[in-house]
Amino acid sequence: MNRIHTYWLTALLIVSLTACQIEKIQSITPTKPTSIQVYQKWELQRGDRINDQTIVSGLGELTIDLAGKPIYAPMSGEAKPDPSGCVLFAGTELPAYLFRFCGINAPKLGALRKGQTIGRANLLVFATFQKQQNGTWAFVEPSKSMLEQILKGS
């Protein structure tokens, strides 16, 4: 490959990456992060660091390779950020359940209708929680049909 082609390919890559970062900055909303108290505590959890490496998923979570595809609101509800940069989704039809999506690029926050795009992800780390009587949230196995709605938008 000659120098001119290398120069243009490099410039194109830099412009593309810059445009992605600008889009990411523009999509940041002033929504205050929401924390949830998880009932189960394991020694190693998502966000912990070992030898300068970050754990991106843990027990109770699924990691799905979406290759940049969108995820959708499985029902009408509200999407809020959590302190670690993930998105918590609470649906109006199932108030005792909460869904956490990590790895979403430029998520749409606030009130969403069923089937509306929440965002896109390369690797989606997904968890389902059920509210306990003491107010904490426990990991529960996700429903296959719920995951299908999240991934297909139906």
Protein backbone atom coordinates (compact mmCIF):
# COMPACT_ATOMS: atom_id res chain seq x y z
CA MET A 1 0.00 0.00 0.00
CA ASN A 2 1.44 3.37 -0.88
CA ARG A 3 1.81 6.35 1.44
CA ILE A 4 -1.22 8.26 0.13
CA HIS A 5 -3.56 5.31 0.78
CA THR A 6 -2.07 4.81 4.25
CA TYR A 7 -2.49 8.52 5.03
CA TRP A 8 -6.15 8.57 3.92
CA LEU A 9 -7.00 5.36 5.77
CA THR A 10 -5.41 6.74 8.94
CA ALA A 11 -7.26 10.05 8.57
CA LEU A 12 -10.56 8.22 7.97
CA LEU A 13 -10.04 6.11 11.09
CA ILE A 14 -9.25 9.17 13.23
CA VAL A 15 -12.31 11.06 11.92
CA SER A 16 -14.56 8.02 12.55
CA LEU A 17 -13.30 7.56 16.11
CA THR A 18 -13.65 11.29 16.82
CA ALA A 19 -17.23 11.30 15.49
CA CYS A 20 -18.08 8.33 17.74
CA GLN A 21 -16.69 10.12 20.79
CA ILE A 22 -18.58 13.33 19.95
CA GLU A 23 -21.83 11.34 19.57
CA LYS A 24 -21.16 9.65 22.91
CA ILE A 25 -20.57 13.02 24.63
CA GLN A 26 -23.70 14.52 23.08
CA SER A 27 -25.83 11.59 24.29
CA ILE A 28 -24.87 12.11 27.93
CA THR A 29 -27.89 13.24 29.89
CA PRO A 30 -28.03 14.89 33.29
CA THR A 31 -30.04 11.94 34.68
CA LYS A 32 -28.87 11.11 38.19
CA PRO A 33 -27.54 7.53 38.56
CA THR A 34 -29.72 5.10 40.51
CA SER A 35 -28.21 2.58 42.91
CA ILE A 36 -29.77 -0.71 43.93
CA GLN A 37 -28.81 -2.84 46.90
CA VAL A 38 -28.18 -6.42 45.78
CA TYR A 39 -29.19 -9.16 48.20
CA GLN A 40 -26.38 -11.57 47.23
CA LYS A 41 -22.77 -10.63 47.89
CA TRP A 42 -19.95 -12.60 46.30
CA GLU A 43 -16.25 -12.00 46.81
CA LEU A 44 -15.74 -11.03 43.15
CA GLN A 45 -18.26 -8.74 41.48
CA ARG A 46 -18.62 -6.77 38.26
CA GLY A 47 -16.43 -3.68 38.46
CA ASP A 48 -13.82 -5.20 40.79
CA ARG A 49 -10.21 -5.05 39.62
CA ILE A 50 -7.59 -7.79 39.72
CA ASN A 51 -4.03 -6.99 38.55
CA ASP A 52 -5.29 -3.81 36.82
CA GLN A 53 -7.96 -5.79 34.91
CA THR A 54 -11.67 -5.03 35.38
CA ILE A 55 -14.21 -7.81 35.88
CA VAL A 56 -17.04 -7.14 33.42
CA SER A 57 -19.55 -9.78 34.53
CA GLY A 58 -20.14 -12.09 37.44
CA LEU A 59 -22.49 -14.65 38.92
CA GLY A 60 -26.09 -14.03 37.96
CA GLU A 61 -25.24 -12.20 34.72
CA LEU A 62 -25.31 -13.25 31.07
CA THR A 63 -22.91 -11.86 28.49
CA ILE A 64 -24.29 -11.80 24.96
CA ASP A 65 -22.24 -10.99 21.85
CA LEU A 66 -24.48 -8.56 19.94
CA ALA A 67 -21.85 -7.22 17.53
CA GLY A 68 -23.34 -3.70 17.69
CA LYS A 69 -26.99 -4.72 17.33
CA PRO A 70 -29.71 -2.85 19.25
CA ILE A 71 -31.58 -3.88 22.35
CA TYR A 72 -35.20 -2.93 22.94
CA ALA A 73 -37.48 -2.11 25.86
CA PRO A 74 -39.37 -5.36 26.60
CA MET A 75 -42.35 -3.32 27.89
CA SER A 76 -43.15 0.29 28.64
CA GLY A 77 -41.05 1.59 31.50
CA GLU A 78 -38.14 3.78 32.51
CA ALA A 79 -34.41 3.47 31.84
CA LYS A 80 -31.99 5.06 34.33
CA PRO A 81 -28.20 4.95 34.63
CA ASP A 82 -26.57 3.22 37.57
CA PRO A 83 -23.34 4.48 39.18
CA SER A 84 -21.17 2.07 37.15
CA GLY A 85 -22.49 3.26 33.78
CA CYS A 86 -24.98 0.47 33.21
CA VAL A 87 -28.68 1.01 32.50
CA LEU A 88 -31.41 -0.11 34.90
CA PHE A 89 -34.79 -0.71 33.27
CA ALA A 90 -37.99 -0.92 35.33
CA GLY A 91 -41.10 -1.95 33.44
CA THR A 92 -44.62 -0.91 34.34
CA GLU A 93 -46.02 -4.42 33.74
CA LEU A 94 -43.60 -6.16 36.14
CA PRO A 95 -42.80 -3.70 38.95
CA ALA A 96 -41.14 -6.39 41.11
CA TYR A 97 -38.49 -6.98 38.44
CA LEU A 98 -35.56 -4.89 37.29
CA PHE A 99 -33.28 -5.43 34.30
CA ARG A 100 -29.67 -4.26 34.17
CA PHE A 101 -27.91 -3.72 30.85
CA CYS A 102 -24.15 -3.10 30.82
CA GLY A 103 -22.08 -2.33 27.73
CA ILE A 104 -24.67 -0.16 25.96
CA ASN A 105 -23.29 2.60 23.72
CA ALA A 106 -25.19 5.93 23.94
CA PRO A 107 -28.21 4.56 25.83
CA LYS A 108 -31.60 6.23 25.64
CA LEU A 109 -32.69 7.10 29.17
CA GLY A 110 -36.04 8.11 30.61
CA ALA A 111 -39.52 6.88 29.73
CA LEU A 112 -39.59 4.29 26.95
CA ARG A 113 -42.40 2.49 25.13
CA LYS A 114 -42.39 -1.25 24.48
CA GLY A 115 -40.13 -2.02 21.51
CA GLN A 116 -38.31 1.31 21.62
CA THR A 117 -34.52 1.07 21.23
CA ILE A 118 -32.58 1.40 24.49
CA GLY A 119 -29.23 1.38 22.72
CA ARG A 120 -26.67 -0.82 20.99
CA ALA A 121 -23.97 -3.05 22.40
CA ASN A 122 -21.05 -5.12 21.26
CA LEU A 123 -21.00 -7.27 24.39
CA LEU A 124 -24.15 -6.91 26.46
CA VAL A 125 -23.92 -7.94 30.12
CA PHE A 126 -27.49 -8.59 31.24
CA ALA A 127 -29.01 -9.33 34.65
CA THR A 128 -32.54 -9.74 35.97
CA PHE A 129 -33.38 -8.84 39.57
CA GLN A 130 -36.45 -9.46 41.70
CA LYS A 131 -37.36 -7.16 44.58
CA GLN A 132 -37.22 -8.82 48.00
CA GLN A 133 -39.47 -8.08 50.97
CA ASN A 134 -36.64 -6.25 52.75
CA GLY A 135 -36.21 -3.85 49.80
CA THR A 136 -33.05 -5.42 48.34
CA TRP A 137 -32.82 -6.96 44.88
CA ALA A 138 -31.90 -10.61 44.20
CA PHE A 139 -30.47 -11.99 40.96
CA VAL A 140 -32.97 -14.32 39.25
CA GLU A 141 -32.67 -16.40 36.13
CA PRO A 142 -33.82 -14.37 33.11
CA SER A 143 -36.77 -15.58 31.09
CA LYS A 144 -35.86 -16.76 27.58
CA SER A 145 -38.98 -15.09 26.16
CA MET A 146 -38.07 -11.80 27.89
CA LEU A 147 -34.56 -11.96 26.38
CA GLU A 148 -36.10 -12.61 22.96
CA GLN A 149 -38.22 -9.44 23.34
CA ILE A 150 -35.16 -7.44 24.41
CA LEU A 151 -33.12 -8.69 21.45
CA LYS A 152 -35.86 -8.66 18.77
CA GLY A 153 -37.96 -5.72 19.84
CA SER A 154 -41.23 -7.65 19.74
